[in-house]
Amino acid sequence: MKLKLSMITLIIKFIKHINKKTEPKLFTPEALAVITDKDKSIELRSIIDDYHETGKWDYKRLNELGL
């Protein structure tokens, strides 16, 4: 029983160690470039609004933005 508990503790510590070294990225560099550009972010908002109305993405417009 002690051995199992020690193994579980070791595995948990290893996972925590790995998680400390990784940095989560919420946005791709391409998406970040679009979000930070005022004109492109307005266009993206328009594409998202159209999606909410129609339920379909306009992939041509997304590709033009670089997404």
N, C-alpha and C. Protein backbone atom coordinates (compact mmCIF):
# COMPACT_ATOMS: atom_id res chain seq x y z
N MET A 1 0.82 -1.19 0.00
CA MET A 1 0.00 0.00 0.00
C MET A 1 0.87 1.26 0.00
N LYS A 2 1.94 1.25 0.78
CA LYS A 2 2.83 2.40 0.84
C LYS A 2 3.49 2.65 -0.51
N LEU A 3 3.84 1.57 -1.20
CA LEU A 3 4.49 1.70 -2.49
C LEU A 3 3.55 2.36 -3.50
N LYS A 4 2.28 1.97 -3.50
CA LYS A 4 1.30 2.56 -4.41
C LYS A 4 1.13 4.05 -4.12
N LEU A 5 1.06 4.40 -2.86
CA LEU A 5 0.91 5.80 -2.48
C LEU A 5 2.13 6.61 -2.90
N SER A 6 3.30 6.03 -2.73
CA SER A 6 4.54 6.71 -3.14
C SER A 6 4.58 6.90 -4.65
N MET A 7 4.14 5.92 -5.40
CA MET A 7 4.11 6.03 -6.86
C MET A 7 3.13 7.10 -7.31
N ILE A 8 1.97 7.14 -6.71
CA ILE A 8 0.96 8.14 -7.04
C ILE A 8 1.50 9.54 -6.74
N THR A 9 2.13 9.70 -5.59
CA THR A 9 2.71 10.99 -5.20
C THR A 9 3.79 11.40 -6.19
N LEU A 10 4.62 10.48 -6.60
CA LEU A 10 5.68 10.76 -7.56
C LEU A 10 5.09 11.18 -8.91
N ILE A 11 4.07 10.51 -9.36
CA ILE A 11 3.43 10.85 -10.63
C ILE A 11 2.81 12.25 -10.56
N ILE A 12 2.15 12.55 -9.47
CA ILE A 12 1.53 13.87 -9.31
C ILE A 12 2.59 14.97 -9.31
N LYS A 13 3.68 14.75 -8.61
CA LYS A 13 4.77 15.74 -8.59
C LYS A 13 5.37 15.93 -9.98
N PHE A 14 5.51 14.83 -10.72
CA PHE A 14 6.05 14.91 -12.08
C PHE A 14 5.13 15.73 -12.98
N ILE A 15 3.85 15.49 -12.91
CA ILE A 15 2.87 16.23 -13.72
C ILE A 15 2.90 17.72 -13.36
N LYS A 16 2.96 18.03 -12.08
CA LYS A 16 3.04 19.43 -11.67
C LYS A 16 4.31 20.09 -12.18
N HIS A 17 5.41 19.35 -12.18
CA HIS A 17 6.68 19.87 -12.68
C HIS A 17 6.59 20.18 -14.17
N ILE A 18 5.98 19.29 -14.93
CA ILE A 18 5.81 19.51 -16.36
C ILE A 18 4.92 20.73 -16.60
N ASN A 19 3.84 20.85 -15.86
CA ASN A 19 2.92 21.97 -16.04
C ASN A 19 3.56 23.31 -15.74
N LYS A 20 4.52 23.36 -14.85
CA LYS A 20 5.19 24.62 -14.53
C LYS A 20 6.05 25.10 -15.69
N LYS A 21 6.55 24.16 -16.50
CA LYS A 21 7.44 24.52 -17.60
C LYS A 21 6.68 24.87 -18.88
N THR A 22 5.41 24.55 -18.96
CA THR A 22 4.65 24.84 -20.17
C THR A 22 3.85 26.12 -19.99
N GLU A 23 3.73 26.85 -21.06
CA GLU A 23 3.00 28.12 -21.03
C GLU A 23 1.78 27.98 -21.95
N PRO A 24 0.60 28.18 -21.42
CA PRO A 24 -0.57 28.06 -22.28
C PRO A 24 -0.66 29.26 -23.23
N LYS A 25 -0.97 28.98 -24.46
CA LYS A 25 -1.15 30.05 -25.44
C LYS A 25 -2.61 30.05 -25.85
N LEU A 26 -3.27 31.14 -25.59
CA LEU A 26 -4.68 31.23 -25.91
C LEU A 26 -4.92 31.58 -27.37
N PHE A 27 -3.99 32.30 -27.98
CA PHE A 27 -4.15 32.75 -29.35
C PHE A 27 -2.93 32.36 -30.18
N THR A 28 -3.17 32.00 -31.43
CA THR A 28 -2.06 31.77 -32.34
C THR A 28 -1.48 33.13 -32.70
N PRO A 29 -0.25 33.16 -33.19
CA PRO A 29 0.32 34.45 -33.60
C PRO A 29 -0.53 35.16 -34.65
N GLU A 30 -1.13 34.39 -35.57
CA GLU A 30 -1.98 34.97 -36.60
C GLU A 30 -3.20 35.63 -35.99
N ALA A 31 -3.84 34.93 -35.06
CA ALA A 31 -5.04 35.48 -34.41
C ALA A 31 -4.69 36.71 -33.59
N LEU A 32 -3.58 36.68 -32.92
CA LEU A 32 -3.16 37.84 -32.12
C LEU A 32 -2.91 39.06 -33.00
N ALA A 33 -2.34 38.83 -34.19
CA ALA A 33 -2.11 39.93 -35.12
C ALA A 33 -3.43 40.55 -35.57
N VAL A 34 -4.44 39.72 -35.81
CA VAL A 34 -5.75 40.22 -36.23
C VAL A 34 -6.42 40.97 -35.09
N ILE A 35 -6.36 40.42 -33.90
CA ILE A 35 -7.03 41.03 -32.75
C ILE A 35 -6.43 42.39 -32.41
N THR A 36 -5.13 42.52 -32.54
CA THR A 36 -4.48 43.77 -32.15
C THR A 36 -4.54 44.85 -33.23
N ASP A 37 -4.89 44.48 -34.45
CA ASP A 37 -5.05 45.46 -35.53
C ASP A 37 -6.50 45.96 -35.52
N LYS A 38 -6.69 47.26 -35.38
CA LYS A 38 -8.04 47.82 -35.22
C LYS A 38 -8.95 47.49 -36.40
N ASP A 39 -8.48 47.72 -37.62
CA ASP A 39 -9.32 47.48 -38.80
C ASP A 39 -9.65 45.99 -38.95
N LYS A 40 -8.64 45.15 -38.73
CA LYS A 40 -8.87 43.72 -38.86
C LYS A 40 -9.79 43.19 -37.76
N SER A 41 -9.69 43.75 -36.56
CA SER A 41 -10.56 43.29 -35.47
C SER A 41 -12.01 43.68 -35.74
N ILE A 42 -12.22 44.83 -36.37
CA ILE A 42 -13.58 45.24 -36.73
C ILE A 42 -14.14 44.29 -37.78
N GLU A 43 -13.32 43.93 -38.75
CA GLU A 43 -13.74 42.98 -39.78
C GLU A 43 -14.04 41.61 -39.16
N LEU A 44 -13.21 41.17 -38.23
CA LEU A 44 -13.44 39.90 -37.55
C LEU A 44 -14.75 39.93 -36.77
N ARG A 45 -15.03 41.04 -36.11
CA ARG A 45 -16.30 41.17 -35.37
C ARG A 45 -17.48 41.05 -36.34
N SER A 46 -17.35 41.62 -37.52
CA SER A 46 -18.40 41.53 -38.53
C SER A 46 -18.60 40.08 -38.98
N ILE A 47 -17.51 39.37 -39.17
CA ILE A 47 -17.59 37.96 -39.56
C ILE A 47 -18.27 37.15 -38.47
N ILE A 48 -17.93 37.42 -37.22
CA ILE A 48 -18.53 36.69 -36.09
C ILE A 48 -20.02 37.02 -35.99
N ASP A 49 -20.38 38.29 -36.18
CA ASP A 49 -21.80 38.67 -36.15
C ASP A 49 -22.58 37.96 -37.25
N ASP A 50 -21.99 37.88 -38.45
CA ASP A 50 -22.64 37.15 -39.55
C ASP A 50 -22.82 35.68 -39.19
N TYR A 51 -21.83 35.10 -38.54
CA TYR A 51 -21.92 33.70 -38.12
C TYR A 51 -23.07 33.51 -37.14
N HIS A 52 -23.24 34.44 -36.23
CA HIS A 52 -24.32 34.34 -35.24
C HIS A 52 -25.69 34.42 -35.91
N GLU A 53 -25.77 35.18 -36.99
CA GLU A 53 -27.04 35.31 -37.70
C GLU A 53 -27.33 34.11 -38.60
N THR A 54 -26.30 33.61 -39.29
CA THR A 54 -26.51 32.55 -40.29
C THR A 54 -26.17 31.16 -39.79
N GLY A 55 -25.27 31.07 -38.82
CA GLY A 55 -24.83 29.76 -38.33
C GLY A 55 -23.74 29.16 -39.21
N LYS A 56 -23.23 29.93 -40.18
CA LYS A 56 -22.18 29.44 -41.08
C LYS A 56 -21.03 30.43 -41.10
N TRP A 57 -19.80 29.89 -41.09
CA TRP A 57 -18.61 30.73 -41.16
C TRP A 57 -18.36 31.12 -42.61
N ASP A 58 -17.92 32.34 -42.81
CA ASP A 58 -17.49 32.81 -44.13
C ASP A 58 -15.98 32.60 -44.20
N TYR A 59 -15.59 31.41 -44.65
CA TYR A 59 -14.18 31.04 -44.65
C TYR A 59 -13.36 31.92 -45.59
N LYS A 60 -13.96 32.41 -46.67
CA LYS A 60 -13.23 33.27 -47.58
C LYS A 60 -12.78 34.55 -46.87
N ARG A 61 -13.68 35.16 -46.12
CA ARG A 61 -13.33 36.40 -45.39
C ARG A 61 -12.33 36.11 -44.27
N LEU A 62 -12.48 34.96 -43.61
CA LEU A 62 -11.52 34.58 -42.56
C LEU A 62 -10.12 34.40 -43.14
N ASN A 63 -10.05 33.75 -44.30
CA ASN A 63 -8.75 33.54 -44.96
C ASN A 63 -8.14 34.86 -45.39
N GLU A 64 -8.97 35.80 -45.82
CA GLU A 64 -8.45 37.11 -46.21
C GLU A 64 -7.81 37.84 -45.02
N LEU A 65 -8.32 37.57 -43.81
CA LEU A 65 -7.74 38.16 -42.62
C LEU A 65 -6.46 37.45 -42.18
N GLY A 66 -6.23 36.28 -42.72
CA GLY A 66 -5.05 35.52 -42.34
C GLY A 66 -5.33 34.48 -41.28
N LEU A 67 -6.58 34.13 -41.12
CA LEU A 67 -6.96 33.11 -40.13
C LEU A 67 -7.31 31.81 -40.80
